[in-house]
């Protein structure tokens, strides 16, 4: 499962995550 991550906010102190998307090979 691949998750998107973002570093943001004042002094880059915030962290957010997506719910994920499945990759199957």
PDBML (XML) file of the C-alpha atoms, coordinates in Angstrom:
<?xml version="1.0" encoding="UTF-8" ?>
<PDBx:datablock datablockName="MODEL"
   xmlns:PDBx="http://pdbml.pdb.org/schema/pdbx-v50.xsd"
   xmlns:xsi="http://www.w3.org/2001/XMLSchema-instance"
   xsi:schemaLocation="http://pdbml.pdb.org/schema/pdbx-v50.xsd pdbx-v50.xsd">
   <PDBx:atom_siteCategory>
      <PDBx:atom_site id="1">
         <PDBx:B_iso_or_equiv>0.00</PDBx:B_iso_or_equiv>
         <PDBx:Cartn_x>0.000</PDBx:Cartn_x>
         <PDBx:Cartn_y>0.000</PDBx:Cartn_y>
         <PDBx:Cartn_z>0.000</PDBx:Cartn_z>
         <PDBx:auth_asym_id>A</PDBx:auth_asym_id>
         <PDBx:auth_atom_id>CA</PDBx:auth_atom_id>
         <PDBx:auth_comp_id>UNK</PDBx:auth_comp_id>
         <PDBx:auth_seq_id>1</PDBx:auth_seq_id>
         <PDBx:group_PDB>ATOM</PDBx:group_PDB>
         <PDBx:label_alt_id xsi:nil="true" />
         <PDBx:label_asym_id>A</PDBx:label_asym_id>
         <PDBx:label_atom_id>CA</PDBx:label_atom_id>
         <PDBx:label_comp_id>UNK</PDBx:label_comp_id>
         <PDBx:label_entity_id>1</PDBx:label_entity_id>
         <PDBx:label_seq_id>1</PDBx:label_seq_id>
         <PDBx:occupancy>1.00</PDBx:occupancy>
         <PDBx:pdbx_PDB_model_num>1</PDBx:pdbx_PDB_model_num>
         <PDBx:type_symbol>C</PDBx:type_symbol>
      </PDBx:atom_site>
      <PDBx:atom_site id="2">
         <PDBx:B_iso_or_equiv>0.00</PDBx:B_iso_or_equiv>
         <PDBx:Cartn_x>1.497</PDBx:Cartn_x>
         <PDBx:Cartn_y>3.305</PDBx:Cartn_y>
         <PDBx:Cartn_z>-1.063</PDBx:Cartn_z>
         <PDBx:auth_asym_id>A</PDBx:auth_asym_id>
         <PDBx:auth_atom_id>CA</PDBx:auth_atom_id>
         <PDBx:auth_comp_id>UNK</PDBx:auth_comp_id>
         <PDBx:auth_seq_id>2</PDBx:auth_seq_id>
         <PDBx:group_PDB>ATOM</PDBx:group_PDB>
         <PDBx:label_alt_id xsi:nil="true" />
         <PDBx:label_asym_id>A</PDBx:label_asym_id>
         <PDBx:label_atom_id>CA</PDBx:label_atom_id>
         <PDBx:label_comp_id>UNK</PDBx:label_comp_id>
         <PDBx:label_entity_id>1</PDBx:label_entity_id>
         <PDBx:label_seq_id>2</PDBx:label_seq_id>
         <PDBx:occupancy>1.00</PDBx:occupancy>
         <PDBx:pdbx_PDB_model_num>1</PDBx:pdbx_PDB_model_num>
         <PDBx:type_symbol>C</PDBx:type_symbol>
      </PDBx:atom_site>
      <PDBx:atom_site id="3">
         <PDBx:B_iso_or_equiv>0.00</PDBx:B_iso_or_equiv>
         <PDBx:Cartn_x>0.859</PDBx:Cartn_x>
         <PDBx:Cartn_y>6.376</PDBx:Cartn_y>
         <PDBx:Cartn_z>1.070</PDBx:Cartn_z>
         <PDBx:auth_asym_id>A</PDBx:auth_asym_id>
         <PDBx:auth_atom_id>CA</PDBx:auth_atom_id>
         <PDBx:auth_comp_id>UNK</PDBx:auth_comp_id>
         <PDBx:auth_seq_id>3</PDBx:auth_seq_id>
         <PDBx:group_PDB>ATOM</PDBx:group_PDB>
         <PDBx:label_alt_id xsi:nil="true" />
         <PDBx:label_asym_id>A</PDBx:label_asym_id>
         <PDBx:label_atom_id>CA</PDBx:label_atom_id>
         <PDBx:label_comp_id>UNK</PDBx:label_comp_id>
         <PDBx:label_entity_id>1</PDBx:label_entity_id>
         <PDBx:label_seq_id>3</PDBx:label_seq_id>
         <PDBx:occupancy>1.00</PDBx:occupancy>
         <PDBx:pdbx_PDB_model_num>1</PDBx:pdbx_PDB_model_num>
         <PDBx:type_symbol>C</PDBx:type_symbol>
      </PDBx:atom_site>
      <PDBx:atom_site id="4">
         <PDBx:B_iso_or_equiv>0.00</PDBx:B_iso_or_equiv>
         <PDBx:Cartn_x>1.268</PDBx:Cartn_x>
         <PDBx:Cartn_y>10.023</PDBx:Cartn_y>
         <PDBx:Cartn_z>0.232</PDBx:Cartn_z>
         <PDBx:auth_asym_id>A</PDBx:auth_asym_id>
         <PDBx:auth_atom_id>CA</PDBx:auth_atom_id>
         <PDBx:auth_comp_id>UNK</PDBx:auth_comp_id>
         <PDBx:auth_seq_id>4</PDBx:auth_seq_id>
         <PDBx:group_PDB>ATOM</PDBx:group_PDB>
         <PDBx:label_alt_id xsi:nil="true" />
         <PDBx:label_asym_id>A</PDBx:label_asym_id>
         <PDBx:label_atom_id>CA</PDBx:label_atom_id>
         <PDBx:label_comp_id>UNK</PDBx:label_comp_id>
         <PDBx:label_entity_id>1</PDBx:label_entity_id>
         <PDBx:label_seq_id>4</PDBx:label_seq_id>
         <PDBx:occupancy>1.00</PDBx:occupancy>
         <PDBx:pdbx_PDB_model_num>1</PDBx:pdbx_PDB_model_num>
         <PDBx:type_symbol>C</PDBx:type_symbol>
      </PDBx:atom_site>
      <PDBx:atom_site id="5">
         <PDBx:B_iso_or_equiv>0.00</PDBx:B_iso_or_equiv>
         <PDBx:Cartn_x>2.933</PDBx:Cartn_x>
         <PDBx:Cartn_y>12.154</PDBx:Cartn_y>
         <PDBx:Cartn_z>2.902</PDBx:Cartn_z>
         <PDBx:auth_asym_id>A</PDBx:auth_asym_id>
         <PDBx:auth_atom_id>CA</PDBx:auth_atom_id>
         <PDBx:auth_comp_id>UNK</PDBx:auth_comp_id>
         <PDBx:auth_seq_id>5</PDBx:auth_seq_id>
         <PDBx:group_PDB>ATOM</PDBx:group_PDB>
         <PDBx:label_alt_id xsi:nil="true" />
         <PDBx:label_asym_id>A</PDBx:label_asym_id>
         <PDBx:label_atom_id>CA</PDBx:label_atom_id>
         <PDBx:label_comp_id>UNK</PDBx:label_comp_id>
         <PDBx:label_entity_id>1</PDBx:label_entity_id>
         <PDBx:label_seq_id>5</PDBx:label_seq_id>
         <PDBx:occupancy>1.00</PDBx:occupancy>
         <PDBx:pdbx_PDB_model_num>1</PDBx:pdbx_PDB_model_num>
         <PDBx:type_symbol>C</PDBx:type_symbol>
      </PDBx:atom_site>
      <PDBx:atom_site id="6">
         <PDBx:B_iso_or_equiv>0.00</PDBx:B_iso_or_equiv>
         <PDBx:Cartn_x>3.140</PDBx:Cartn_x>
         <PDBx:Cartn_y>15.920</PDBx:Cartn_y>
         <PDBx:Cartn_z>3.244</PDBx:Cartn_z>
         <PDBx:auth_asym_id>A</PDBx:auth_asym_id>
         <PDBx:auth_atom_id>CA</PDBx:auth_atom_id>
         <PDBx:auth_comp_id>UNK</PDBx:auth_comp_id>
         <PDBx:auth_seq_id>6</PDBx:auth_seq_id>
         <PDBx:group_PDB>ATOM</PDBx:group_PDB>
         <PDBx:label_alt_id xsi:nil="true" />
         <PDBx:label_asym_id>A</PDBx:label_asym_id>
         <PDBx:label_atom_id>CA</PDBx:label_atom_id>
         <PDBx:label_comp_id>UNK</PDBx:label_comp_id>
         <PDBx:label_entity_id>1</PDBx:label_entity_id>
         <PDBx:label_seq_id>6</PDBx:label_seq_id>
         <PDBx:occupancy>1.00</PDBx:occupancy>
         <PDBx:pdbx_PDB_model_num>1</PDBx:pdbx_PDB_model_num>
         <PDBx:type_symbol>C</PDBx:type_symbol>
      </PDBx:atom_site>
      <PDBx:atom_site id="7">
         <PDBx:B_iso_or_equiv>0.00</PDBx:B_iso_or_equiv>
         <PDBx:Cartn_x>5.351</PDBx:Cartn_x>
         <PDBx:Cartn_y>17.997</PDBx:Cartn_y>
         <PDBx:Cartn_z>5.528</PDBx:Cartn_z>
         <PDBx:auth_asym_id>A</PDBx:auth_asym_id>
         <PDBx:auth_atom_id>CA</PDBx:auth_atom_id>
         <PDBx:auth_comp_id>UNK</PDBx:auth_comp_id>
         <PDBx:auth_seq_id>7</PDBx:auth_seq_id>
         <PDBx:group_PDB>ATOM</PDBx:group_PDB>
         <PDBx:label_alt_id xsi:nil="true" />
         <PDBx:label_asym_id>A</PDBx:label_asym_id>
         <PDBx:label_atom_id>CA</PDBx:label_atom_id>
         <PDBx:label_comp_id>UNK</PDBx:label_comp_id>
         <PDBx:label_entity_id>1</PDBx:label_entity_id>
         <PDBx:label_seq_id>7</PDBx:label_seq_id>
         <PDBx:occupancy>1.00</PDBx:occupancy>
         <PDBx:pdbx_PDB_model_num>1</PDBx:pdbx_PDB_model_num>
         <PDBx:type_symbol>C</PDBx:type_symbol>
      </PDBx:atom_site>
      <PDBx:atom_site id="8">
         <PDBx:B_iso_or_equiv>0.00</PDBx:B_iso_or_equiv>
         <PDBx:Cartn_x>3.838</PDBx:Cartn_x>
         <PDBx:Cartn_y>21.413</PDBx:Cartn_y>
         <PDBx:Cartn_z>6.009</PDBx:Cartn_z>
         <PDBx:auth_asym_id>A</PDBx:auth_asym_id>
         <PDBx:auth_atom_id>CA</PDBx:auth_atom_id>
         <PDBx:auth_comp_id>UNK</PDBx:auth_comp_id>
         <PDBx:auth_seq_id>8</PDBx:auth_seq_id>
         <PDBx:group_PDB>ATOM</PDBx:group_PDB>
         <PDBx:label_alt_id xsi:nil="true" />
         <PDBx:label_asym_id>A</PDBx:label_asym_id>
         <PDBx:label_atom_id>CA</PDBx:label_atom_id>
         <PDBx:label_comp_id>UNK</PDBx:label_comp_id>
         <PDBx:label_entity_id>1</PDBx:label_entity_id>
         <PDBx:label_seq_id>8</PDBx:label_seq_id>
         <PDBx:occupancy>1.00</PDBx:occupancy>
         <PDBx:pdbx_PDB_model_num>1</PDBx:pdbx_PDB_model_num>
         <PDBx:type_symbol>C</PDBx:type_symbol>
      </PDBx:atom_site>
      <PDBx:atom_site id="9">
         <PDBx:B_iso_or_equiv>0.00</PDBx:B_iso_or_equiv>
         <PDBx:Cartn_x>2.833</PDBx:Cartn_x>
         <PDBx:Cartn_y>24.248</PDBx:Cartn_y>
         <PDBx:Cartn_z>8.299</PDBx:Cartn_z>
         <PDBx:auth_asym_id>A</PDBx:auth_asym_id>
         <PDBx:auth_atom_id>CA</PDBx:auth_atom_id>
         <PDBx:auth_comp_id>UNK</PDBx:auth_comp_id>
         <PDBx:auth_seq_id>9</PDBx:auth_seq_id>
         <PDBx:group_PDB>ATOM</PDBx:group_PDB>
         <PDBx:label_alt_id xsi:nil="true" />
         <PDBx:label_asym_id>A</PDBx:label_asym_id>
         <PDBx:label_atom_id>CA</PDBx:label_atom_id>
         <PDBx:label_comp_id>UNK</PDBx:label_comp_id>
         <PDBx:label_entity_id>1</PDBx:label_entity_id>
         <PDBx:label_seq_id>9</PDBx:label_seq_id>
         <PDBx:occupancy>1.00</PDBx:occupancy>
         <PDBx:pdbx_PDB_model_num>1</PDBx:pdbx_PDB_model_num>
         <PDBx:type_symbol>C</PDBx:type_symbol>
      </PDBx:atom_site>
      <PDBx:atom_site id="10">
         <PDBx:B_iso_or_equiv>0.00</PDBx:B_iso_or_equiv>
         <PDBx:Cartn_x>4.705</PDBx:Cartn_x>
         <PDBx:Cartn_y>26.596</PDBx:Cartn_y>
         <PDBx:Cartn_z>10.560</PDBx:Cartn_z>
         <PDBx:auth_asym_id>A</PDBx:auth_asym_id>
         <PDBx:auth_atom_id>CA</PDBx:auth_atom_id>
         <PDBx:auth_comp_id>UNK</PDBx:auth_comp_id>
         <PDBx:auth_seq_id>10</PDBx:auth_seq_id>
         <PDBx:group_PDB>ATOM</PDBx:group_PDB>
         <PDBx:label_alt_id xsi:nil="true" />
         <PDBx:label_asym_id>A</PDBx:label_asym_id>
         <PDBx:label_atom_id>CA</PDBx:label_atom_id>
         <PDBx:label_comp_id>UNK</PDBx:label_comp_id>
         <PDBx:label_entity_id>1</PDBx:label_entity_id>
         <PDBx:label_seq_id>10</PDBx:label_seq_id>
         <PDBx:occupancy>1.00</PDBx:occupancy>
         <PDBx:pdbx_PDB_model_num>1</PDBx:pdbx_PDB_model_num>
         <PDBx:type_symbol>C</PDBx:type_symbol>
      </PDBx:atom_site>
      <PDBx:atom_site id="11">
         <PDBx:B_iso_or_equiv>0.00</PDBx:B_iso_or_equiv>
         <PDBx:Cartn_x>8.342</PDBx:Cartn_x>
         <PDBx:Cartn_y>25.559</PDBx:Cartn_y>
         <PDBx:Cartn_z>10.749</PDBx:Cartn_z>
         <PDBx:auth_asym_id>A</PDBx:auth_asym_id>
         <PDBx:auth_atom_id>CA</PDBx:auth_atom_id>
         <PDBx:auth_comp_id>UNK</PDBx:auth_comp_id>
         <PDBx:auth_seq_id>11</PDBx:auth_seq_id>
         <PDBx:group_PDB>ATOM</PDBx:group_PDB>
         <PDBx:label_alt_id xsi:nil="true" />
         <PDBx:label_asym_id>A</PDBx:label_asym_id>
         <PDBx:label_atom_id>CA</PDBx:label_atom_id>
         <PDBx:label_comp_id>UNK</PDBx:label_comp_id>
         <PDBx:label_entity_id>1</PDBx:label_entity_id>
         <PDBx:label_seq_id>11</PDBx:label_seq_id>
         <PDBx:occupancy>1.00</PDBx:occupancy>
         <PDBx:pdbx_PDB_model_num>1</PDBx:pdbx_PDB_model_num>
         <PDBx:type_symbol>C</PDBx:type_symbol>
      </PDBx:atom_site>
      <PDBx:atom_site id="12">
         <PDBx:B_iso_or_equiv>0.00</PDBx:B_iso_or_equiv>
         <PDBx:Cartn_x>7.343</PDBx:Cartn_x>
         <PDBx:Cartn_y>22.464</PDBx:Cartn_y>
         <PDBx:Cartn_z>8.741</PDBx:Cartn_z>
         <PDBx:auth_asym_id>A</PDBx:auth_asym_id>
         <PDBx:auth_atom_id>CA</PDBx:auth_atom_id>
         <PDBx:auth_comp_id>UNK</PDBx:auth_comp_id>
         <PDBx:auth_seq_id>12</PDBx:auth_seq_id>
         <PDBx:group_PDB>ATOM</PDBx:group_PDB>
         <PDBx:label_alt_id xsi:nil="true" />
         <PDBx:label_asym_id>A</PDBx:label_asym_id>
         <PDBx:label_atom_id>CA</PDBx:label_atom_id>
         <PDBx:label_comp_id>UNK</PDBx:label_comp_id>
         <PDBx:label_entity_id>1</PDBx:label_entity_id>
         <PDBx:label_seq_id>12</PDBx:label_seq_id>
         <PDBx:occupancy>1.00</PDBx:occupancy>
         <PDBx:pdbx_PDB_model_num>1</PDBx:pdbx_PDB_model_num>
         <PDBx:type_symbol>C</PDBx:type_symbol>
      </PDBx:atom_site>
      <PDBx:atom_site id="13">
         <PDBx:B_iso_or_equiv>0.00</PDBx:B_iso_or_equiv>
         <PDBx:Cartn_x>6.082</PDBx:Cartn_x>
         <PDBx:Cartn_y>20.807</PDBx:Cartn_y>
         <PDBx:Cartn_z>11.897</PDBx:Cartn_z>
         <PDBx:auth_asym_id>A</PDBx:auth_asym_id>
         <PDBx:auth_atom_id>CA</PDBx:auth_atom_id>
         <PDBx:auth_comp_id>UNK</PDBx:auth_comp_id>
         <PDBx:auth_seq_id>13</PDBx:auth_seq_id>
         <PDBx:group_PDB>ATOM</PDBx:group_PDB>
         <PDBx:label_alt_id xsi:nil="true" />
         <PDBx:label_asym_id>A</PDBx:label_asym_id>
         <PDBx:label_atom_id>CA</PDBx:label_atom_id>
         <PDBx:label_comp_id>UNK</PDBx:label_comp_id>
         <PDBx:label_entity_id>1</PDBx:label_entity_id>
         <PDBx:label_seq_id>13</PDBx:label_seq_id>
         <PDBx:occupancy>1.00</PDBx:occupancy>
         <PDBx:pdbx_PDB_model_num>1</PDBx:pdbx_PDB_model_num>
         <PDBx:type_symbol>C</PDBx:type_symbol>
      </PDBx:atom_site>
      <PDBx:atom_site id="14">
         <PDBx:B_iso_or_equiv>0.00</PDBx:B_iso_or_equiv>
         <PDBx:Cartn_x>2.863</PDBx:Cartn_x>
         <PDBx:Cartn_y>19.330</PDBx:Cartn_y>
         <PDBx:Cartn_z>10.536</PDBx:Cartn_z>
         <PDBx:auth_asym_id>A</PDBx:auth_asym_id>
         <PDBx:auth_atom_id>CA</PDBx:auth_atom_id>
         <PDBx:auth_comp_id>UNK</PDBx:auth_comp_id>
         <PDBx:auth_seq_id>14</PDBx:auth_seq_id>
         <PDBx:group_PDB>ATOM</PDBx:group_PDB>
         <PDBx:label_alt_id xsi:nil="true" />
         <PDBx:label_asym_id>A</PDBx:label_asym_id>
         <PDBx:label_atom_id>CA</PDBx:label_atom_id>
         <PDBx:label_comp_id>UNK</PDBx:label_comp_id>
         <PDBx:label_entity_id>1</PDBx:label_entity_id>
         <PDBx:label_seq_id>14</PDBx:label_seq_id>
         <PDBx:occupancy>1.00</PDBx:occupancy>
         <PDBx:pdbx_PDB_model_num>1</PDBx:pdbx_PDB_model_num>
         <PDBx:type_symbol>C</PDBx:type_symbol>
      </PDBx:atom_site>
      <PDBx:atom_site id="15">
         <PDBx:B_iso_or_equiv>0.00</PDBx:B_iso_or_equiv>
         <PDBx:Cartn_x>2.589</PDBx:Cartn_x>
         <PDBx:Cartn_y>15.893</PDBx:Cartn_y>
         <PDBx:Cartn_z>8.974</PDBx:Cartn_z>
         <PDBx:auth_asym_id>A</PDBx:auth_asym_id>
         <PDBx:auth_atom_id>CA</PDBx:auth_atom_id>
         <PDBx:auth_comp_id>UNK</PDBx:auth_comp_id>
         <PDBx:auth_seq_id>15</PDBx:auth_seq_id>
         <PDBx:group_PDB>ATOM</PDBx:group_PDB>
         <PDBx:label_alt_id xsi:nil="true" />
         <PDBx:label_asym_id>A</PDBx:label_asym_id>
         <PDBx:label_atom_id>CA</PDBx:label_atom_id>
         <PDBx:label_comp_id>UNK</PDBx:label_comp_id>
         <PDBx:label_entity_id>1</PDBx:label_entity_id>
         <PDBx:label_seq_id>15</PDBx:label_seq_id>
         <PDBx:occupancy>1.00</PDBx:occupancy>
         <PDBx:pdbx_PDB_model_num>1</PDBx:pdbx_PDB_model_num>
         <PDBx:type_symbol>C</PDBx:type_symbol>
      </PDBx:atom_site>
      <PDBx:atom_site id="16">
         <PDBx:B_iso_or_equiv>0.00</PDBx:B_iso_or_equiv>
         <PDBx:Cartn_x>-0.321</PDBx:Cartn_x>
         <PDBx:Cartn_y>14.511</PDBx:Cartn_y>
         <PDBx:Cartn_z>6.979</PDBx:Cartn_z>
         <PDBx:auth_asym_id>A</PDBx:auth_asym_id>
         <PDBx:auth_atom_id>CA</PDBx:auth_atom_id>
         <PDBx:auth_comp_id>UNK</PDBx:auth_comp_id>
         <PDBx:auth_seq_id>16</PDBx:auth_seq_id>
         <PDBx:group_PDB>ATOM</PDBx:group_PDB>
         <PDBx:label_alt_id xsi:nil="true" />
         <PDBx:label_asym_id>A</PDBx:label_asym_id>
         <PDBx:label_atom_id>CA</PDBx:label_atom_id>
         <PDBx:label_comp_id>UNK</PDBx:label_comp_id>
         <PDBx:label_entity_id>1</PDBx:label_entity_id>
         <PDBx:label_seq_id>16</PDBx:label_seq_id>
         <PDBx:occupancy>1.00</PDBx:occupancy>
         <PDBx:pdbx_PDB_model_num>1</PDBx:pdbx_PDB_model_num>
         <PDBx:type_symbol>C</PDBx:type_symbol>
      </PDBx:atom_site>
      <PDBx:atom_site id="17">
         <PDBx:B_iso_or_equiv>0.00</PDBx:B_iso_or_equiv>
         <PDBx:Cartn_x>-0.994</PDBx:Cartn_x>
         <PDBx:Cartn_y>11.138</PDBx:Cartn_y>
         <PDBx:Cartn_z>5.399</PDBx:Cartn_z>
         <PDBx:auth_asym_id>A</PDBx:auth_asym_id>
         <PDBx:auth_atom_id>CA</PDBx:auth_atom_id>
         <PDBx:auth_comp_id>UNK</PDBx:auth_comp_id>
         <PDBx:auth_seq_id>17</PDBx:auth_seq_id>
         <PDBx:group_PDB>ATOM</PDBx:group_PDB>
         <PDBx:label_alt_id xsi:nil="true" />
         <PDBx:label_asym_id>A</PDBx:label_asym_id>
         <PDBx:label_atom_id>CA</PDBx:label_atom_id>
         <PDBx:label_comp_id>UNK</PDBx:label_comp_id>
         <PDBx:label_entity_id>1</PDBx:label_entity_id>
         <PDBx:label_seq_id>17</PDBx:label_seq_id>
         <PDBx:occupancy>1.00</PDBx:occupancy>
         <PDBx:pdbx_PDB_model_num>1</PDBx:pdbx_PDB_model_num>
         <PDBx:type_symbol>C</PDBx:type_symbol>
      </PDBx:atom_site>
      <PDBx:atom_site id="18">
         <PDBx:B_iso_or_equiv>0.00</PDBx:B_iso_or_equiv>
         <PDBx:Cartn_x>-3.277</PDBx:Cartn_x>
         <PDBx:Cartn_y>9.861</PDBx:Cartn_y>
         <PDBx:Cartn_z>2.715</PDBx:Cartn_z>
         <PDBx:auth_asym_id>A</PDBx:auth_asym_id>
         <PDBx:auth_atom_id>CA</PDBx:auth_atom_id>
         <PDBx:auth_comp_id>UNK</PDBx:auth_comp_id>
         <PDBx:auth_seq_id>18</PDBx:auth_seq_id>
         <PDBx:group_PDB>ATOM</PDBx:group_PDB>
         <PDBx:label_alt_id xsi:nil="true" />
         <PDBx:label_asym_id>A</PDBx:label_asym_id>
         <PDBx:label_atom_id>CA</PDBx:label_atom_id>
         <PDBx:label_comp_id>UNK</PDBx:label_comp_id>
         <PDBx:label_entity_id>1</PDBx:label_entity_id>
         <PDBx:label_seq_id>18</PDBx:label_seq_id>
         <PDBx:occupancy>1.00</PDBx:occupancy>
         <PDBx:pdbx_PDB_model_num>1</PDBx:pdbx_PDB_model_num>
         <PDBx:type_symbol>C</PDBx:type_symbol>
      </PDBx:atom_site>
      <PDBx:atom_site id="19">
         <PDBx:B_iso_or_equiv>0.00</PDBx:B_iso_or_equiv>
         <PDBx:Cartn_x>-5.357</PDBx:Cartn_x>
         <PDBx:Cartn_y>6.736</PDBx:Cartn_y>
         <PDBx:Cartn_z>3.074</PDBx:Cartn_z>
         <PDBx:auth_asym_id>A</PDBx:auth_asym_id>
         <PDBx:auth_atom_id>CA</PDBx:auth_atom_id>
         <PDBx:auth_comp_id>UNK</PDBx:auth_comp_id>
         <PDBx:auth_seq_id>19</PDBx:auth_seq_id>
         <PDBx:group_PDB>ATOM</PDBx:group_PDB>
         <PDBx:label_alt_id xsi:nil="true" />
         <PDBx:label_asym_id>A</PDBx:label_asym_id>
         <PDBx:label_atom_id>CA</PDBx:label_atom_id>
         <PDBx:label_comp_id>UNK</PDBx:label_comp_id>
         <PDBx:label_entity_id>1</PDBx:label_entity_id>
         <PDBx:label_seq_id>19</PDBx:label_seq_id>
         <PDBx:occupancy>1.00</PDBx:occupancy>
         <PDBx:pdbx_PDB_model_num>1</PDBx:pdbx_PDB_model_num>
         <PDBx:type_symbol>C</PDBx:type_symbol>
      </PDBx:atom_site>
      <PDBx:atom_site id="20">
         <PDBx:B_iso_or_equiv>0.00</PDBx:B_iso_or_equiv>
         <PDBx:Cartn_x>-3.177</PDBx:Cartn_x>
         <PDBx:Cartn_y>4.755</PDBx:Cartn_y>
         <PDBx:Cartn_z>0.704</PDBx:Cartn_z>
         <PDBx:auth_asym_id>A</PDBx:auth_asym_id>
         <PDBx:auth_atom_id>CA</PDBx:auth_atom_id>
         <PDBx:auth_comp_id>UNK</PDBx:auth_comp_id>
         <PDBx:auth_seq_id>20</PDBx:auth_seq_id>
         <PDBx:group_PDB>ATOM</PDBx:group_PDB>
         <PDBx:label_alt_id xsi:nil="true" />
         <PDBx:label_asym_id>A</PDBx:label_asym_id>
         <PDBx:label_atom_id>CA</PDBx:label_atom_id>
         <PDBx:label_comp_id>UNK</PDBx:label_comp_id>
         <PDBx:label_entity_id>1</PDBx:label_entity_id>
         <PDBx:label_seq_id>20</PDBx:label_seq_id>
         <PDBx:occupancy>1.00</PDBx:occupancy>
         <PDBx:pdbx_PDB_model_num>1</PDBx:pdbx_PDB_model_num>
         <PDBx:type_symbol>C</PDBx:type_symbol>
      </PDBx:atom_site>
      <PDBx:atom_site id="21">
         <PDBx:B_iso_or_equiv>0.00</PDBx:B_iso_or_equiv>
         <PDBx:Cartn_x>-3.526</PDBx:Cartn_x>
         <PDBx:Cartn_y>3.106</PDBx:Cartn_y>
         <PDBx:Cartn_z>-2.661</PDBx:Cartn_z>
         <PDBx:auth_asym_id>A</PDBx:auth_asym_id>
         <PDBx:auth_atom_id>CA</PDBx:auth_atom_id>
         <PDBx:auth_comp_id>UNK</PDBx:auth_comp_id>
         <PDBx:auth_seq_id>21</PDBx:auth_seq_id>
         <PDBx:group_PDB>ATOM</PDBx:group_PDB>
         <PDBx:label_alt_id xsi:nil="true" />
         <PDBx:label_asym_id>A</PDBx:label_asym_id>
         <PDBx:label_atom_id>CA</PDBx:label_atom_id>
         <PDBx:label_comp_id>UNK</PDBx:label_comp_id>
         <PDBx:label_entity_id>1</PDBx:label_entity_id>
         <PDBx:label_seq_id>21</PDBx:label_seq_id>
         <PDBx:occupancy>1.00</PDBx:occupancy>
         <PDBx:pdbx_PDB_model_num>1</PDBx:pdbx_PDB_model_num>
         <PDBx:type_symbol>C</PDBx:type_symbol>
      </PDBx:atom_site>
      <PDBx:atom_site id="22">
         <PDBx:B_iso_or_equiv>0.00</PDBx:B_iso_or_equiv>
         <PDBx:Cartn_x>-2.839</PDBx:Cartn_x>
         <PDBx:Cartn_y>-0.562</PDBx:Cartn_y>
         <PDBx:Cartn_z>-3.310</PDBx:Cartn_z>
         <PDBx:auth_asym_id>A</PDBx:auth_asym_id>
         <PDBx:auth_atom_id>CA</PDBx:auth_atom_id>
         <PDBx:auth_comp_id>UNK</PDBx:auth_comp_id>
         <PDBx:auth_seq_id>22</PDBx:auth_seq_id>
         <PDBx:group_PDB>ATOM</PDBx:group_PDB>
         <PDBx:label_alt_id xsi:nil="true" />
         <PDBx:label_asym_id>A</PDBx:label_asym_id>
         <PDBx:label_atom_id>CA</PDBx:label_atom_id>
         <PDBx:label_comp_id>UNK</PDBx:label_comp_id>
         <PDBx:label_entity_id>1</PDBx:label_entity_id>
         <PDBx:label_seq_id>22</PDBx:label_seq_id>
         <PDBx:occupancy>1.00</PDBx:occupancy>
         <PDBx:pdbx_PDB_model_num>1</PDBx:pdbx_PDB_model_num>
         <PDBx:type_symbol>C</PDBx:type_symbol>
      </PDBx:atom_site>
      <PDBx:atom_site id="23">
         <PDBx:B_iso_or_equiv>0.00</PDBx:B_iso_or_equiv>
         <PDBx:Cartn_x>-0.147</PDBx:Cartn_x>
         <PDBx:Cartn_y>-1.572</PDBx:Cartn_y>
         <PDBx:Cartn_z>-5.771</PDBx:Cartn_z>
         <PDBx:auth_asym_id>A</PDBx:auth_asym_id>
         <PDBx:auth_atom_id>CA</PDBx:auth_atom_id>
         <PDBx:auth_comp_id>UNK</PDBx:auth_comp_id>
         <PDBx:auth_seq_id>23</PDBx:auth_seq_id>
         <PDBx:group_PDB>ATOM</PDBx:group_PDB>
         <PDBx:label_alt_id xsi:nil="true" />
         <PDBx:label_asym_id>A</PDBx:label_asym_id>
         <PDBx:label_atom_id>CA</PDBx:label_atom_id>
         <PDBx:label_comp_id>UNK</PDBx:label_comp_id>
         <PDBx:label_entity_id>1</PDBx:label_entity_id>
         <PDBx:label_seq_id>23</PDBx:label_seq_id>
         <PDBx:occupancy>1.00</PDBx:occupancy>
         <PDBx:pdbx_PDB_model_num>1</PDBx:pdbx_PDB_model_num>
         <PDBx:type_symbol>C</PDBx:type_symbol>
      </PDBx:atom_site>
      <PDBx:atom_site id="24">
         <PDBx:B_iso_or_equiv>0.00</PDBx:B_iso_or_equiv>
         <PDBx:Cartn_x>0.026</PDBx:Cartn_x>
         <PDBx:Cartn_y>-5.252</PDBx:Cartn_y>
         <PDBx:Cartn_z>-6.631</PDBx:Cartn_z>
         <PDBx:auth_asym_id>A</PDBx:auth_asym_id>
         <PDBx:auth_atom_id>CA</PDBx:auth_atom_id>
         <PDBx:auth_comp_id>UNK</PDBx:auth_comp_id>
         <PDBx:auth_seq_id>24</PDBx:auth_seq_id>
         <PDBx:group_PDB>ATOM</PDBx:group_PDB>
         <PDBx:label_alt_id xsi:nil="true" />
         <PDBx:label_asym_id>A</PDBx:label_asym_id>
         <PDBx:label_atom_id>CA</PDBx:label_atom_id>
         <PDBx:label_comp_id>UNK</PDBx:label_comp_id>
         <PDBx:label_entity_id>1</PDBx:label_entity_id>
         <PDBx:label_seq_id>24</PDBx:label_seq_id>
         <PDBx:occupancy>1.00</PDBx:occupancy>
         <PDBx:pdbx_PDB_model_num>1</PDBx:pdbx_PDB_model_num>
         <PDBx:type_symbol>C</PDBx:type_symbol>
      </PDBx:atom_site>
      <PDBx:atom_site id="25">
         <PDBx:B_iso_or_equiv>0.00</PDBx:B_iso_or_equiv>
         <PDBx:Cartn_x>2.698</PDBx:Cartn_x>
         <PDBx:Cartn_y>-6.638</PDBx:Cartn_y>
         <PDBx:Cartn_z>-8.935</PDBx:Cartn_z>
         <PDBx:auth_asym_id>A</PDBx:auth_asym_id>
         <PDBx:auth_atom_id>CA</PDBx:auth_atom_id>
         <PDBx:auth_comp_id>UNK</PDBx:auth_comp_id>
         <PDBx:auth_seq_id>25</PDBx:auth_seq_id>
         <PDBx:group_PDB>ATOM</PDBx:group_PDB>
         <PDBx:label_alt_id xsi:nil="true" />
         <PDBx:label_asym_id>A</PDBx:label_asym_id>
         <PDBx:label_atom_id>CA</PDBx:label_atom_id>
         <PDBx:label_comp_id>UNK</PDBx:label_comp_id>
         <PDBx:label_entity_id>1</PDBx:label_entity_id>
         <PDBx:label_seq_id>25</PDBx:label_seq_id>
         <PDBx:occupancy>1.00</PDBx:occupancy>
         <PDBx:pdbx_PDB_model_num>1</PDBx:pdbx_PDB_model_num>
         <PDBx:type_symbol>C</PDBx:type_symbol>
      </PDBx:atom_site>
   </PDBx:atom_siteCategory>
</PDBx:datablock>
